[in-house]
Amino acid sequence: MGIERLDVNARRSRLVKYNGVCYLSGQFSDSDGDIAEQTRDTLAKIDDLLRRAGTDKSRLLTAQIWLRDMADFAGMNEIWDAWVTAGDPPTRCCGQVLMADPDMRVEIVVSAAIAE
């Protein structure tokens, strides 16, 4: 089985599919809105990429969530909890990091099993 890469540039692939799993690069909002808006935008991008890979959020395996400020943890979780498939949450970690863009409040990296 070969490796399939989507949305490739010189630095990264936005999505890599291999051996029944899709791996997404860090997704983030293009908005400078609050944590709720940025989280919703980011999750919408993830939904789109998962759809393009032939899967969806119910098949998530793992998630890494990076926040600019842990004060946004509750606000991000409110949106995340409403989005994630009930009964099928992925493994998850969340931490505070220095973001590349000062307007960026959240970045999310996920991997998911590809639908059979």
N, C-alpha and C. Protein backbone atom coordinates (compact mmCIF):
# COMPACT_ATOMS: atom_id res chain seq x y z
N MET A 1 0.86 -1.18 0.00
CA MET A 1 0.00 0.00 0.00
C MET A 1 0.89 1.23 0.00
N GLY A 2 0.65 2.13 -0.93
CA GLY A 2 1.46 3.32 -1.04
C GLY A 2 0.98 4.43 -0.11
N ILE A 3 1.80 5.43 0.00
CA ILE A 3 1.48 6.62 0.79
C ILE A 3 0.82 7.62 -0.14
N GLU A 4 -0.31 8.18 0.29
CA GLU A 4 -1.02 9.20 -0.48
C GLU A 4 -0.96 10.52 0.30
N ARG A 5 -0.55 11.59 -0.38
CA ARG A 5 -0.42 12.90 0.25
C ARG A 5 -1.34 13.89 -0.47
N LEU A 6 -2.05 14.71 0.32
CA LEU A 6 -2.94 15.72 -0.24
C LEU A 6 -2.53 17.10 0.25
N ASP A 7 -2.80 18.10 -0.57
CA ASP A 7 -2.50 19.51 -0.25
C ASP A 7 -1.03 19.66 0.17
N VAL A 8 -0.17 19.32 -0.75
CA VAL A 8 1.27 19.29 -0.49
C VAL A 8 1.90 20.61 -0.91
N ASN A 9 2.80 21.12 -0.09
CA ASN A 9 3.68 22.22 -0.49
C ASN A 9 5.10 21.83 -0.14
N ALA A 10 6.04 22.75 -0.23
CA ALA A 10 7.45 22.43 0.01
C ALA A 10 7.72 22.01 1.46
N ARG A 11 6.87 22.42 2.38
CA ARG A 11 7.13 22.21 3.80
C ARG A 11 6.32 21.08 4.42
N ARG A 12 5.10 20.85 3.94
CA ARG A 12 4.22 19.88 4.61
C ARG A 12 3.14 19.38 3.66
N SER A 13 2.55 18.24 4.07
CA SER A 13 1.32 17.74 3.47
C SER A 13 0.23 18.00 4.51
N ARG A 14 -0.91 18.48 4.06
CA ARG A 14 -2.00 18.73 5.00
C ARG A 14 -2.65 17.43 5.45
N LEU A 15 -2.57 16.40 4.61
CA LEU A 15 -3.17 15.10 4.90
C LEU A 15 -2.31 14.01 4.29
N VAL A 16 -2.02 12.98 5.07
CA VAL A 16 -1.30 11.81 4.58
C VAL A 16 -2.13 10.58 4.92
N LYS A 17 -2.33 9.73 3.92
CA LYS A 17 -3.05 8.47 4.11
C LYS A 17 -2.07 7.33 3.94
N TYR A 18 -2.09 6.39 4.91
CA TYR A 18 -1.22 5.23 4.81
C TYR A 18 -1.78 4.09 5.65
N ASN A 19 -1.86 2.94 5.07
CA ASN A 19 -2.20 1.72 5.79
C ASN A 19 -3.50 1.85 6.60
N GLY A 20 -4.52 2.47 6.01
CA GLY A 20 -5.82 2.56 6.65
C GLY A 20 -5.98 3.67 7.67
N VAL A 21 -4.98 4.56 7.75
CA VAL A 21 -5.03 5.68 8.70
C VAL A 21 -4.75 6.97 7.95
N CYS A 22 -5.47 8.04 8.32
CA CYS A 22 -5.13 9.36 7.78
C CYS A 22 -4.59 10.22 8.92
N TYR A 23 -3.56 10.96 8.58
CA TYR A 23 -2.87 11.82 9.52
C TYR A 23 -3.01 13.26 9.02
N LEU A 24 -3.54 14.14 9.85
CA LEU A 24 -3.69 15.54 9.46
C LEU A 24 -2.60 16.37 10.09
N SER A 25 -2.14 17.35 9.35
CA SER A 25 -1.22 18.33 9.92
C SER A 25 -2.02 19.23 10.87
N GLY A 26 -1.35 20.07 11.60
CA GLY A 26 -2.02 20.98 12.52
C GLY A 26 -2.98 21.89 11.77
N GLN A 27 -4.22 21.91 12.22
CA GLN A 27 -5.26 22.76 11.61
C GLN A 27 -5.58 23.90 12.56
N PHE A 28 -5.84 25.06 11.96
CA PHE A 28 -6.12 26.25 12.76
C PHE A 28 -7.04 27.16 11.97
N SER A 29 -7.62 28.11 12.66
CA SER A 29 -8.56 29.05 12.06
C SER A 29 -7.82 30.17 11.36
N ASP A 30 -8.42 30.69 10.30
CA ASP A 30 -7.89 31.87 9.63
C ASP A 30 -8.45 33.14 10.24
N SER A 31 -9.33 32.99 11.23
CA SER A 31 -9.98 34.12 11.90
C SER A 31 -9.13 34.60 13.07
N ASP A 32 -9.33 35.84 13.45
CA ASP A 32 -8.68 36.33 14.68
C ASP A 32 -9.73 36.46 15.79
N GLY A 33 -10.80 35.64 15.68
CA GLY A 33 -11.89 35.67 16.65
C GLY A 33 -11.52 35.05 17.99
N ASP A 34 -12.53 34.90 18.83
CA ASP A 34 -12.33 34.33 20.17
C ASP A 34 -12.10 32.82 20.06
N ILE A 35 -11.87 32.18 21.20
CA ILE A 35 -11.55 30.76 21.20
C ILE A 35 -12.69 29.92 20.63
N ALA A 36 -13.94 30.28 20.90
CA ALA A 36 -15.07 29.51 20.38
C ALA A 36 -15.09 29.56 18.84
N GLU A 37 -14.95 30.75 18.29
CA GLU A 37 -14.97 30.89 16.83
C GLU A 37 -13.79 30.15 16.20
N GLN A 38 -12.61 30.32 16.75
CA GLN A 38 -11.44 29.66 16.19
C GLN A 38 -11.53 28.14 16.31
N THR A 39 -12.08 27.65 17.41
CA THR A 39 -12.23 26.20 17.57
C THR A 39 -13.23 25.66 16.56
N ARG A 40 -14.37 26.33 16.39
CA ARG A 40 -15.37 25.90 15.40
C ARG A 40 -14.77 25.88 13.99
N ASP A 41 -14.05 26.93 13.63
CA ASP A 41 -13.42 27.01 12.30
C ASP A 41 -12.42 25.87 12.10
N THR A 42 -11.62 25.61 13.12
CA THR A 42 -10.61 24.56 13.04
C THR A 42 -11.26 23.20 12.89
N LEU A 43 -12.30 22.93 13.65
CA LEU A 43 -12.98 21.64 13.57
C LEU A 43 -13.68 21.48 12.22
N ALA A 44 -14.18 22.56 11.64
CA ALA A 44 -14.78 22.49 10.31
C ALA A 44 -13.73 22.10 9.27
N LYS A 45 -12.53 22.63 9.40
CA LYS A 45 -11.44 22.24 8.49
C LYS A 45 -11.11 20.77 8.65
N ILE A 46 -11.09 20.30 9.89
CA ILE A 46 -10.82 18.89 10.15
C ILE A 46 -11.91 18.02 9.54
N ASP A 47 -13.17 18.41 9.72
CA ASP A 47 -14.28 17.66 9.11
C ASP A 47 -14.09 17.55 7.60
N ASP A 48 -13.72 18.64 6.95
CA ASP A 48 -13.54 18.64 5.51
C ASP A 48 -12.41 17.72 5.08
N LEU A 49 -11.28 17.80 5.77
CA LEU A 49 -10.14 16.94 5.42
C LEU A 49 -10.46 15.47 5.67
N LEU A 50 -11.13 15.17 6.76
CA LEU A 50 -11.50 13.78 7.03
C LEU A 50 -12.44 13.26 5.94
N ARG A 51 -13.39 14.08 5.52
CA ARG A 51 -14.30 13.69 4.44
C ARG A 51 -13.51 13.39 3.17
N ARG A 52 -12.55 14.25 2.85
CA ARG A 52 -11.72 14.04 1.65
C ARG A 52 -10.90 12.77 1.75
N ALA A 53 -10.57 12.35 2.97
CA ALA A 53 -9.79 11.13 3.18
C ALA A 53 -10.66 9.89 3.16
N GLY A 54 -12.00 10.07 3.17
CA GLY A 54 -12.90 8.93 3.18
C GLY A 54 -13.26 8.45 4.57
N THR A 55 -13.24 9.37 5.53
CA THR A 55 -13.58 9.01 6.90
C THR A 55 -14.29 10.17 7.57
N ASP A 56 -14.47 10.09 8.88
CA ASP A 56 -15.13 11.17 9.61
C ASP A 56 -14.70 11.15 11.07
N LYS A 57 -15.21 12.10 11.83
CA LYS A 57 -14.79 12.28 13.23
C LYS A 57 -15.15 11.10 14.12
N SER A 58 -16.10 10.26 13.72
CA SER A 58 -16.44 9.09 14.54
C SER A 58 -15.33 8.06 14.54
N ARG A 59 -14.36 8.21 13.63
CA ARG A 59 -13.26 7.26 13.52
C ARG A 59 -11.93 7.85 13.97
N LEU A 60 -12.00 8.97 14.71
CA LEU A 60 -10.77 9.58 15.23
C LEU A 60 -10.05 8.61 16.15
N LEU A 61 -8.74 8.60 16.04
CA LEU A 61 -7.89 7.78 16.90
C LEU A 61 -7.24 8.60 18.00
N THR A 62 -6.71 9.75 17.61
CA THR A 62 -5.98 10.58 18.56
C THR A 62 -6.08 12.05 18.17
N ALA A 63 -5.94 12.92 19.15
CA ALA A 63 -5.96 14.37 18.93
C ALA A 63 -4.95 15.04 19.85
N GLN A 64 -4.25 16.01 19.29
CA GLN A 64 -3.37 16.89 20.06
C GLN A 64 -3.92 18.29 19.90
N ILE A 65 -4.16 18.96 21.01
CA ILE A 65 -4.71 20.31 20.97
C ILE A 65 -3.72 21.25 21.62
N TRP A 66 -3.35 22.27 20.88
CA TRP A 66 -2.40 23.26 21.37
C TRP A 66 -3.14 24.58 21.55
N LEU A 67 -3.04 25.15 22.73
CA LEU A 67 -3.67 26.43 23.05
C LEU A 67 -2.60 27.49 23.30
N ARG A 68 -2.88 28.69 22.85
CA ARG A 68 -1.99 29.81 23.14
C ARG A 68 -1.99 30.13 24.62
N ASP A 69 -3.16 29.96 25.24
CA ASP A 69 -3.34 30.32 26.65
C ASP A 69 -4.29 29.30 27.29
N MET A 70 -3.88 28.69 28.38
CA MET A 70 -4.73 27.70 29.04
C MET A 70 -6.00 28.32 29.60
N ALA A 71 -6.08 29.64 29.65
CA ALA A 71 -7.33 30.30 30.04
C ALA A 71 -8.44 30.00 29.03
N ASP A 72 -8.07 29.56 27.81
CA ASP A 72 -9.04 29.21 26.77
C ASP A 72 -9.49 27.76 26.85
N PHE A 73 -8.98 27.00 27.80
CA PHE A 73 -9.26 25.56 27.89
C PHE A 73 -10.76 25.27 27.98
N ALA A 74 -11.46 25.93 28.88
CA ALA A 74 -12.90 25.68 29.05
C ALA A 74 -13.69 26.06 27.80
N GLY A 75 -13.36 27.19 27.19
CA GLY A 75 -14.06 27.63 25.98
C GLY A 75 -13.83 26.69 24.82
N MET A 76 -12.60 26.21 24.66
CA MET A 76 -12.30 25.24 23.61
C MET A 76 -13.04 23.95 23.88
N ASN A 77 -13.01 23.47 25.14
CA ASN A 77 -13.68 22.21 25.49
C ASN A 77 -15.18 22.26 25.23
N GLU A 78 -15.80 23.40 25.45
CA GLU A 78 -17.24 23.52 25.20
C GLU A 78 -17.56 23.20 23.74
N ILE A 79 -16.77 23.74 22.82
CA ILE A 79 -16.98 23.49 21.39
C ILE A 79 -16.56 22.06 21.04
N TRP A 80 -15.42 21.63 21.55
CA TRP A 80 -14.93 20.27 21.29
C TRP A 80 -15.95 19.23 21.73
N ASP A 81 -16.46 19.37 22.97
CA ASP A 81 -17.38 18.38 23.52
C ASP A 81 -18.67 18.27 22.70
N ALA A 82 -19.13 19.38 22.14
CA ALA A 82 -20.32 19.36 21.29
C ALA A 82 -20.02 18.74 19.92
N TRP A 83 -18.76 18.79 19.49
CA TRP A 83 -18.36 18.31 18.16
C TRP A 83 -18.01 16.83 18.15
N VAL A 84 -17.26 16.38 19.13
CA VAL A 84 -16.75 15.01 19.12
C VAL A 84 -17.93 14.03 19.19
N THR A 85 -17.80 12.89 18.51
CA THR A 85 -18.86 11.90 18.48
C THR A 85 -19.04 11.27 19.87
N ALA A 86 -20.23 11.38 20.42
CA ALA A 86 -20.53 10.84 21.74
C ALA A 86 -20.23 9.34 21.77
N GLY A 87 -19.52 8.91 22.78
CA GLY A 87 -19.19 7.51 22.94
C GLY A 87 -17.97 7.06 22.17
N ASP A 88 -17.43 7.91 21.29
CA ASP A 88 -16.27 7.55 20.47
C ASP A 88 -15.16 8.61 20.54
N PRO A 89 -14.81 9.09 21.73
CA PRO A 89 -13.76 10.11 21.78
C PRO A 89 -12.39 9.51 21.48
N PRO A 90 -11.52 10.27 20.83
CA PRO A 90 -10.16 9.79 20.58
C PRO A 90 -9.31 9.94 21.85
N THR A 91 -8.11 9.38 21.82
CA THR A 91 -7.15 9.76 22.85
C THR A 91 -6.89 11.25 22.63
N ARG A 92 -6.49 11.95 23.67
CA ARG A 92 -6.33 13.40 23.51
C ARG A 92 -5.34 13.95 24.53
N CYS A 93 -4.59 14.92 24.10
CA CYS A 93 -3.78 15.70 25.02
C CYS A 93 -3.97 17.17 24.65
N CYS A 94 -3.69 18.04 25.60
CA CYS A 94 -3.86 19.47 25.36
C CYS A 94 -2.79 20.20 26.16
N GLY A 95 -2.16 21.16 25.52
CA GLY A 95 -1.14 21.91 26.22
C GLY A 95 -1.03 23.33 25.70
N GLN A 96 -0.34 24.13 26.45
CA GLN A 96 -0.10 25.52 26.07
C GLN A 96 1.20 25.59 25.30
N VAL A 97 1.19 26.30 24.17
CA VAL A 97 2.38 26.47 23.35
C VAL A 97 2.47 27.91 22.84
N LEU A 98 3.65 28.29 22.46
CA LEU A 98 3.86 29.57 21.81
C LEU A 98 3.50 29.39 20.34
N MET A 99 2.49 30.10 19.87
CA MET A 99 2.00 29.94 18.50
C MET A 99 2.86 30.75 17.52
N ALA A 100 2.91 30.29 16.28
CA ALA A 100 3.66 30.97 15.24
C ALA A 100 3.03 32.32 14.88
N ASP A 101 1.70 32.41 15.02
CA ASP A 101 0.97 33.64 14.73
C ASP A 101 0.32 34.10 16.04
N PRO A 102 0.55 35.33 16.46
CA PRO A 102 0.02 35.79 17.75
C PRO A 102 -1.51 35.85 17.81
N ASP A 103 -2.21 35.84 16.66
CA ASP A 103 -3.67 35.84 16.65
C ASP A 103 -4.24 34.43 16.76
N MET A 104 -3.40 33.43 16.61
CA MET A 104 -3.84 32.04 16.64
C MET A 104 -4.02 31.59 18.08
N ARG A 105 -5.22 31.12 18.43
CA ARG A 105 -5.52 30.71 19.81
C ARG A 105 -5.50 29.19 19.97
N VAL A 106 -5.74 28.43 18.87
CA VAL A 106 -5.82 26.98 18.97
C VAL A 106 -5.32 26.35 17.67
N GLU A 107 -4.63 25.22 17.81
CA GLU A 107 -4.22 24.39 16.68
C GLU A 107 -4.49 22.94 17.08
N ILE A 108 -5.05 22.17 16.15
CA ILE A 108 -5.44 20.79 16.46
C ILE A 108 -4.88 19.84 15.41
N VAL A 109 -4.27 18.76 15.88
CA VAL A 109 -3.72 17.70 15.04
C VAL A 109 -4.49 16.42 15.36
N VAL A 110 -4.99 15.73 14.33
CA VAL A 110 -5.71 14.48 14.55
C VAL A 110 -5.23 13.41 13.59
N SER A 111 -5.52 12.17 13.97
CA SER A 111 -5.41 11.04 13.05
C SER A 111 -6.69 10.24 13.18
N ALA A 112 -7.07 9.54 12.10
CA ALA A 112 -8.32 8.79 12.09
C ALA A 112 -8.18 7.55 11.24
N ALA A 113 -8.91 6.51 11.59
CA ALA A 113 -9.00 5.33 10.77
C ALA A 113 -9.83 5.67 9.54
N ILE A 114 -9.41 5.15 8.39
CA ILE A 114 -10.16 5.38 7.17
C ILE A 114 -11.28 4.35 7.09
N ALA A 115 -12.46 4.81 6.75
CA ALA A 115 -13.63 3.93 6.68
C ALA A 115 -13.34 2.77 5.72
N GLU A 116 -13.78 1.60 6.09
CA GLU A 116 -13.50 0.39 5.31
C GLU A 116 -14.48 0.23 4.17
